[in-house]
Amino acid sequence: MERTANLYAAWYRKSIDGLFADCVLIAGSDDAPAGFVTCKLEDDVSRGIGRSVAAIGICAVAQDHEGRGAPAAMFNAVVQWCARRDVHRLRSRILINNLGCAYSALRTGALPVASFHTFHKWAGEHSSAAA
């Protein structure tokens, strides 16, 4: 769990620095952030299809703020950010257990178009599972 928290903290820092995201929206107040969402303009995809495309990188909500509407507020803010930049398509990959973000995306009119599993293995860890 600590490694995952460190991974998300690094992702957040690199997004704020502009390496992973063009936009970082934070819900809540300065002294009590409820969560954040990152968004990146996908220039390569946009050039390929001739329309502006953006992708949500991560939508994270603090555990003590779950069920209070933060994902919906963040998704709506991203949609508005994209509209101001004439983005025609917004993509988001949402973890299957992140129901708040998934429902919030559906409420904005987003439609699920694909489902897949992502597996992570930390470098240097050995598994006892049979190959």
N, C-alpha and C. Protein backbone atom coordinates (compact mmCIF):
# COMPACT_ATOMS: atom_id res chain seq x y z
N MET A 1 0.82 -1.19 0.00
CA MET A 1 0.00 0.00 0.00
C MET A 1 0.87 1.26 0.00
N GLU A 2 1.96 1.23 0.70
CA GLU A 2 2.85 2.39 0.76
C GLU A 2 3.46 2.68 -0.62
N ARG A 3 3.81 1.63 -1.35
CA ARG A 3 4.37 1.84 -2.68
C ARG A 3 3.35 2.49 -3.61
N THR A 4 2.11 2.06 -3.50
CA THR A 4 1.07 2.65 -4.33
C THR A 4 0.88 4.13 -3.98
N ALA A 5 0.87 4.44 -2.69
CA ALA A 5 0.75 5.84 -2.26
C ALA A 5 1.92 6.66 -2.79
N ASN A 6 3.11 6.11 -2.75
CA ASN A 6 4.29 6.81 -3.28
C ASN A 6 4.18 7.02 -4.79
N LEU A 7 3.66 6.01 -5.49
CA LEU A 7 3.48 6.11 -6.93
C LEU A 7 2.53 7.26 -7.27
N TYR A 8 1.39 7.33 -6.59
CA TYR A 8 0.43 8.39 -6.85
C TYR A 8 0.98 9.75 -6.45
N ALA A 9 1.74 9.81 -5.38
CA ALA A 9 2.36 11.09 -4.97
C ALA A 9 3.33 11.57 -6.04
N ALA A 10 4.12 10.66 -6.60
CA ALA A 10 5.05 11.03 -7.67
C ALA A 10 4.29 11.46 -8.92
N TRP A 11 3.21 10.75 -9.25
CA TRP A 11 2.38 11.09 -10.40
C TRP A 11 1.81 12.50 -10.23
N TYR A 12 1.32 12.80 -9.04
CA TYR A 12 0.77 14.12 -8.75
C TYR A 12 1.84 15.20 -8.92
N ARG A 13 3.03 14.99 -8.34
CA ARG A 13 4.12 15.98 -8.46
C ARG A 13 4.51 16.21 -9.91
N LYS A 14 4.65 15.12 -10.67
CA LYS A 14 5.05 15.26 -12.07
C LYS A 14 3.94 15.90 -12.91
N SER A 15 2.71 15.71 -12.50
CA SER A 15 1.59 16.38 -13.18
C SER A 15 1.62 17.87 -12.89
N ILE A 16 1.82 18.24 -11.65
CA ILE A 16 1.92 19.65 -11.26
C ILE A 16 3.07 20.32 -12.01
N ASP A 17 4.17 19.60 -12.19
CA ASP A 17 5.33 20.14 -12.90
C ASP A 17 5.13 20.19 -14.41
N GLY A 18 4.00 19.68 -14.91
CA GLY A 18 3.70 19.72 -16.34
C GLY A 18 4.28 18.57 -17.14
N LEU A 19 4.87 17.58 -16.48
CA LEU A 19 5.44 16.45 -17.20
C LEU A 19 4.38 15.43 -17.61
N PHE A 20 3.41 15.19 -16.74
CA PHE A 20 2.38 14.19 -17.01
C PHE A 20 1.03 14.79 -17.37
N ALA A 21 0.86 16.10 -17.20
CA ALA A 21 -0.47 16.69 -17.41
C ALA A 21 -0.36 18.14 -17.85
N ASP A 22 -1.37 18.56 -18.60
CA ASP A 22 -1.50 19.96 -18.97
C ASP A 22 -2.40 20.70 -17.98
N CYS A 23 -3.15 19.94 -17.21
CA CYS A 23 -4.10 20.52 -16.27
C CYS A 23 -4.19 19.62 -15.04
N VAL A 24 -4.15 20.22 -13.87
CA VAL A 24 -4.40 19.52 -12.61
C VAL A 24 -5.44 20.33 -11.87
N LEU A 25 -6.59 19.71 -11.65
CA LEU A 25 -7.68 20.37 -10.93
C LEU A 25 -7.81 19.73 -9.56
N ILE A 26 -7.88 20.56 -8.55
CA ILE A 26 -7.94 20.08 -7.17
C ILE A 26 -9.28 20.47 -6.58
N ALA A 27 -9.96 19.49 -5.99
CA ALA A 27 -11.25 19.74 -5.33
C ALA A 27 -11.01 19.96 -3.85
N GLY A 28 -11.85 20.78 -3.26
CA GLY A 28 -11.73 21.05 -1.83
C GLY A 28 -11.04 22.37 -1.59
N SER A 29 -10.51 22.52 -0.40
CA SER A 29 -9.84 23.76 -0.02
C SER A 29 -8.34 23.53 0.10
N ASP A 30 -7.60 24.63 0.21
CA ASP A 30 -6.14 24.53 0.33
C ASP A 30 -5.71 23.71 1.54
N ASP A 31 -6.43 23.87 2.65
CA ASP A 31 -6.03 23.16 3.87
C ASP A 31 -6.64 21.76 3.96
N ALA A 32 -7.62 21.45 3.10
CA ALA A 32 -8.24 20.12 3.14
C ALA A 32 -8.63 19.68 1.73
N PRO A 33 -7.64 19.32 0.89
CA PRO A 33 -7.98 18.88 -0.46
C PRO A 33 -8.81 17.59 -0.42
N ALA A 34 -9.85 17.55 -1.25
CA ALA A 34 -10.71 16.37 -1.32
C ALA A 34 -10.22 15.38 -2.38
N GLY A 35 -9.50 15.88 -3.38
CA GLY A 35 -9.02 15.02 -4.45
C GLY A 35 -8.47 15.85 -5.59
N PHE A 36 -8.02 15.16 -6.62
CA PHE A 36 -7.51 15.86 -7.79
C PHE A 36 -7.73 15.01 -9.03
N VAL A 37 -7.72 15.69 -10.17
CA VAL A 37 -7.84 15.03 -11.46
C VAL A 37 -6.83 15.67 -12.39
N THR A 38 -6.19 14.85 -13.23
CA THR A 38 -5.22 15.37 -14.19
C THR A 38 -5.75 15.15 -15.60
N CYS A 39 -5.35 16.05 -16.50
CA CYS A 39 -5.79 15.95 -17.89
C CYS A 39 -4.64 16.38 -18.80
N LYS A 40 -4.48 15.68 -19.89
CA LYS A 40 -3.40 15.98 -20.84
C LYS A 40 -3.98 16.04 -22.25
N LEU A 41 -3.58 17.07 -22.97
CA LEU A 41 -3.94 17.16 -24.39
C LEU A 41 -3.10 16.13 -25.15
N GLU A 42 -3.74 15.35 -25.99
CA GLU A 42 -3.05 14.30 -26.74
C GLU A 42 -2.77 14.79 -28.15
N ASP A 43 -1.69 15.52 -28.28
CA ASP A 43 -1.36 16.15 -29.56
C ASP A 43 -1.17 15.13 -30.68
N ASP A 44 -0.52 14.01 -30.41
CA ASP A 44 -0.29 13.01 -31.45
C ASP A 44 -1.61 12.43 -31.97
N VAL A 45 -2.51 12.11 -31.06
CA VAL A 45 -3.81 11.58 -31.46
C VAL A 45 -4.60 12.65 -32.20
N SER A 46 -4.57 13.87 -31.69
CA SER A 46 -5.31 14.97 -32.31
C SER A 46 -4.88 15.19 -33.75
N ARG A 47 -3.57 15.18 -34.00
CA ARG A 47 -3.07 15.36 -35.37
C ARG A 47 -3.54 14.22 -36.26
N GLY A 48 -3.57 13.01 -35.72
CA GLY A 48 -3.95 11.84 -36.51
C GLY A 48 -5.40 11.84 -36.94
N ILE A 49 -6.29 12.37 -36.10
CA ILE A 49 -7.72 12.35 -36.46
C ILE A 49 -8.25 13.73 -36.84
N GLY A 50 -7.41 14.75 -36.72
CA GLY A 50 -7.82 16.09 -37.11
C GLY A 50 -8.78 16.77 -36.15
N ARG A 51 -8.87 16.27 -34.94
CA ARG A 51 -9.73 16.86 -33.91
C ARG A 51 -8.99 16.81 -32.59
N SER A 52 -9.28 17.76 -31.71
CA SER A 52 -8.60 17.82 -30.42
C SER A 52 -9.08 16.71 -29.48
N VAL A 53 -8.11 16.04 -28.86
CA VAL A 53 -8.38 14.96 -27.93
C VAL A 53 -7.60 15.22 -26.64
N ALA A 54 -8.24 14.94 -25.52
CA ALA A 54 -7.58 15.04 -24.22
C ALA A 54 -7.87 13.75 -23.45
N ALA A 55 -7.03 13.47 -22.48
CA ALA A 55 -7.21 12.26 -21.68
C ALA A 55 -7.03 12.58 -20.20
N ILE A 56 -7.92 12.04 -19.41
CA ILE A 56 -7.76 12.12 -17.96
C ILE A 56 -6.74 11.07 -17.57
N GLY A 57 -5.74 11.51 -16.83
CA GLY A 57 -4.70 10.58 -16.39
C GLY A 57 -5.08 9.88 -15.10
N ILE A 58 -5.55 10.66 -14.14
CA ILE A 58 -5.90 10.08 -12.85
C ILE A 58 -6.98 10.93 -12.20
N CYS A 59 -7.88 10.26 -11.54
CA CYS A 59 -8.90 10.91 -10.73
C CYS A 59 -8.79 10.26 -9.35
N ALA A 60 -8.38 11.03 -8.38
CA ALA A 60 -8.17 10.49 -7.04
C ALA A 60 -8.95 11.31 -6.02
N VAL A 61 -9.61 10.62 -5.12
CA VAL A 61 -10.39 11.26 -4.06
C VAL A 61 -9.90 10.74 -2.72
N ALA A 62 -9.67 11.66 -1.79
CA ALA A 62 -9.25 11.27 -0.45
C ALA A 62 -10.35 10.41 0.18
N GLN A 63 -9.92 9.38 0.89
CA GLN A 63 -10.87 8.42 1.44
C GLN A 63 -11.91 9.09 2.34
N ASP A 64 -11.51 10.09 3.11
CA ASP A 64 -12.47 10.75 4.00
C ASP A 64 -13.41 11.71 3.27
N HIS A 65 -13.23 11.85 1.94
CA HIS A 65 -14.13 12.69 1.14
C HIS A 65 -14.98 11.87 0.17
N GLU A 66 -14.88 10.55 0.23
CA GLU A 66 -15.67 9.71 -0.66
C GLU A 66 -17.15 9.90 -0.36
N GLY A 67 -17.97 9.89 -1.40
CA GLY A 67 -19.40 10.02 -1.24
C GLY A 67 -19.88 11.45 -1.05
N ARG A 68 -19.01 12.41 -1.27
CA ARG A 68 -19.38 13.82 -1.08
C ARG A 68 -19.43 14.62 -2.38
N GLY A 69 -19.34 13.95 -3.51
CA GLY A 69 -19.49 14.63 -4.79
C GLY A 69 -18.22 15.17 -5.42
N ALA A 70 -17.06 14.89 -4.84
CA ALA A 70 -15.81 15.41 -5.42
C ALA A 70 -15.56 14.89 -6.83
N PRO A 71 -15.76 13.60 -7.12
CA PRO A 71 -15.52 13.15 -8.50
C PRO A 71 -16.38 13.87 -9.53
N ALA A 72 -17.65 14.08 -9.20
CA ALA A 72 -18.55 14.77 -10.14
C ALA A 72 -18.08 16.19 -10.38
N ALA A 73 -17.70 16.88 -9.33
CA ALA A 73 -17.22 18.26 -9.47
C ALA A 73 -15.95 18.31 -10.31
N MET A 74 -15.04 17.36 -10.09
CA MET A 74 -13.79 17.34 -10.84
C MET A 74 -14.04 17.00 -12.31
N PHE A 75 -14.90 16.01 -12.60
CA PHE A 75 -15.19 15.68 -13.99
C PHE A 75 -15.84 16.85 -14.71
N ASN A 76 -16.79 17.48 -14.06
CA ASN A 76 -17.43 18.64 -14.68
C ASN A 76 -16.42 19.75 -14.94
N ALA A 77 -15.48 19.96 -14.04
CA ALA A 77 -14.45 20.98 -14.24
C ALA A 77 -13.53 20.62 -15.41
N VAL A 78 -13.21 19.34 -15.56
CA VAL A 78 -12.38 18.91 -16.69
C VAL A 78 -13.13 19.10 -18.00
N VAL A 79 -14.40 18.76 -18.02
CA VAL A 79 -15.20 18.94 -19.23
C VAL A 79 -15.22 20.42 -19.62
N GLN A 80 -15.37 21.31 -18.65
CA GLN A 80 -15.35 22.75 -18.93
C GLN A 80 -13.97 23.20 -19.41
N TRP A 81 -12.91 22.68 -18.80
CA TRP A 81 -11.54 23.01 -19.21
C TRP A 81 -11.34 22.62 -20.67
N CYS A 82 -11.81 21.42 -21.02
CA CYS A 82 -11.68 20.94 -22.40
C CYS A 82 -12.51 21.79 -23.37
N ALA A 83 -13.70 22.15 -22.97
CA ALA A 83 -14.56 22.96 -23.84
C ALA A 83 -13.91 24.31 -24.15
N ARG A 84 -13.24 24.89 -23.17
CA ARG A 84 -12.57 26.18 -23.39
C ARG A 84 -11.40 26.03 -24.37
N ARG A 85 -10.91 24.83 -24.56
CA ARG A 85 -9.79 24.58 -25.46
C ARG A 85 -10.24 23.90 -26.75
N ASP A 86 -11.53 23.85 -26.99
CA ASP A 86 -12.10 23.26 -28.20
C ASP A 86 -11.73 21.79 -28.35
N VAL A 87 -11.66 21.08 -27.24
CA VAL A 87 -11.38 19.64 -27.26
C VAL A 87 -12.68 18.92 -27.64
N HIS A 88 -12.60 18.05 -28.63
CA HIS A 88 -13.78 17.35 -29.12
C HIS A 88 -13.98 15.99 -28.48
N ARG A 89 -12.93 15.40 -27.96
CA ARG A 89 -13.05 14.07 -27.35
C ARG A 89 -12.21 14.05 -26.08
N LEU A 90 -12.82 13.56 -25.01
CA LEU A 90 -12.14 13.40 -23.72
C LEU A 90 -12.17 11.93 -23.37
N ARG A 91 -10.98 11.37 -23.18
CA ARG A 91 -10.88 9.96 -22.83
C ARG A 91 -10.51 9.84 -21.36
N SER A 92 -10.96 8.78 -20.74
CA SER A 92 -10.61 8.52 -19.35
C SER A 92 -10.53 7.03 -19.12
N ARG A 93 -9.50 6.61 -18.43
CA ARG A 93 -9.37 5.21 -18.02
C ARG A 93 -9.61 5.19 -16.52
N ILE A 94 -10.66 4.51 -16.12
CA ILE A 94 -11.06 4.50 -14.72
C ILE A 94 -10.94 3.08 -14.18
N LEU A 95 -10.29 2.95 -13.03
CA LEU A 95 -10.18 1.65 -12.40
C LEU A 95 -11.58 1.13 -12.07
N ILE A 96 -11.77 -0.16 -12.25
CA ILE A 96 -13.09 -0.74 -12.09
C ILE A 96 -13.65 -0.56 -10.68
N ASN A 97 -12.79 -0.44 -9.69
CA ASN A 97 -13.27 -0.27 -8.32
C ASN A 97 -13.45 1.20 -7.93
N ASN A 98 -13.20 2.11 -8.85
CA ASN A 98 -13.35 3.54 -8.59
C ASN A 98 -14.75 3.97 -9.06
N LEU A 99 -15.75 3.50 -8.33
CA LEU A 99 -17.13 3.71 -8.77
C LEU A 99 -17.54 5.17 -8.78
N GLY A 100 -17.06 5.97 -7.83
CA GLY A 100 -17.41 7.38 -7.80
C GLY A 100 -17.01 8.08 -9.08
N CYS A 101 -15.77 7.83 -9.53
CA CYS A 101 -15.30 8.46 -10.77
C CYS A 101 -16.04 7.89 -11.98
N ALA A 102 -16.31 6.58 -11.96
CA ALA A 102 -17.02 5.97 -13.09
C ALA A 102 -18.43 6.55 -13.22
N TYR A 103 -19.17 6.62 -12.13
CA TYR A 103 -20.52 7.17 -12.18
C TYR A 103 -20.50 8.64 -12.58
N SER A 104 -19.51 9.37 -12.09
CA SER A 104 -19.40 10.79 -12.44
C SER A 104 -19.16 10.96 -13.93
N ALA A 105 -18.33 10.11 -14.51
CA ALA A 105 -18.09 10.18 -15.96
C ALA A 105 -19.37 9.88 -16.73
N LEU A 106 -20.12 8.88 -16.28
CA LEU A 106 -21.38 8.55 -16.96
C LEU A 106 -22.36 9.71 -16.88
N ARG A 107 -22.40 10.40 -15.76
CA ARG A 107 -23.33 11.52 -15.59
C ARG A 107 -22.98 12.70 -16.50
N THR A 108 -21.73 12.80 -16.95
CA THR A 108 -21.36 13.88 -17.86
C THR A 108 -21.73 13.54 -19.30
N GLY A 109 -22.20 12.33 -19.52
CA GLY A 109 -22.55 11.90 -20.87
C GLY A 109 -21.51 10.99 -21.49
N ALA A 110 -20.46 10.68 -20.74
CA ALA A 110 -19.42 9.78 -21.26
C ALA A 110 -20.00 8.36 -21.39
N LEU A 111 -19.49 7.65 -22.37
CA LEU A 111 -19.93 6.28 -22.61
C LEU A 111 -18.75 5.33 -22.50
N PRO A 112 -18.93 4.18 -21.87
CA PRO A 112 -17.84 3.20 -21.83
C PRO A 112 -17.66 2.59 -23.22
N VAL A 113 -16.41 2.55 -23.68
CA VAL A 113 -16.15 2.00 -25.01
C VAL A 113 -15.23 0.79 -24.96
N ALA A 114 -14.58 0.56 -23.83
CA ALA A 114 -13.68 -0.59 -23.73
C ALA A 114 -13.47 -0.93 -22.26
N SER A 115 -13.10 -2.15 -22.03
CA SER A 115 -12.79 -2.61 -20.68
C SER A 115 -11.55 -3.48 -20.76
N PHE A 116 -10.66 -3.31 -19.81
CA PHE A 116 -9.45 -4.12 -19.82
C PHE A 116 -8.88 -4.20 -18.41
N HIS A 117 -8.00 -5.14 -18.22
CA HIS A 117 -7.33 -5.32 -16.93
C HIS A 117 -5.91 -4.77 -17.04
N THR A 118 -5.46 -4.15 -15.99
CA THR A 118 -4.08 -3.68 -15.91
C THR A 118 -3.43 -4.38 -14.73
N PHE A 119 -2.29 -4.98 -14.97
CA PHE A 119 -1.57 -5.67 -13.91
C PHE A 119 -0.28 -4.92 -13.60
N HIS A 120 0.05 -4.84 -12.33
CA HIS A 120 1.28 -4.18 -11.89
C HIS A 120 2.12 -5.19 -11.13
N LYS A 121 3.41 -5.13 -11.34
CA LYS A 121 4.36 -5.92 -10.56
C LYS A 121 5.50 -5.00 -10.21
N TRP A 122 5.77 -4.89 -8.93
CA TRP A 122 6.86 -4.04 -8.50
C TRP A 122 8.19 -4.72 -8.81
N ALA A 123 9.11 -3.98 -9.40
CA ALA A 123 10.43 -4.51 -9.74
C ALA A 123 11.11 -5.02 -8.47
N GLY A 124 11.73 -6.16 -8.58
CA GLY A 124 12.49 -6.72 -7.45
C GLY A 124 11.66 -7.61 -6.54
N GLU A 125 10.34 -7.68 -6.73
CA GLU A 125 9.52 -8.56 -5.90
C GLU A 125 9.39 -9.90 -6.59
N HIS A 126 9.40 -10.93 -5.78
CA HIS A 126 9.27 -12.28 -6.31
C HIS A 126 7.91 -12.83 -5.91
N SER A 127 7.31 -13.54 -6.82
CA SER A 127 5.98 -14.12 -6.56
C SER A 127 6.13 -15.59 -6.27
N SER A 128 5.30 -16.09 -5.38
CA SER A 128 5.31 -17.51 -5.07
C SER A 128 4.32 -18.27 -5.95
N ALA A 129 3.59 -17.54 -6.82
CA ALA A 129 2.62 -18.16 -7.70
C ALA A 129 3.35 -18.98 -8.76
N ALA A 130 2.74 -20.10 -9.08
CA ALA A 130 3.32 -20.97 -10.11
C ALA A 130 3.15 -20.32 -11.48
N ALA A 131 4.13 -20.50 -12.32
CA ALA A 131 4.11 -19.91 -13.66
C ALA A 131 3.31 -20.76 -14.59
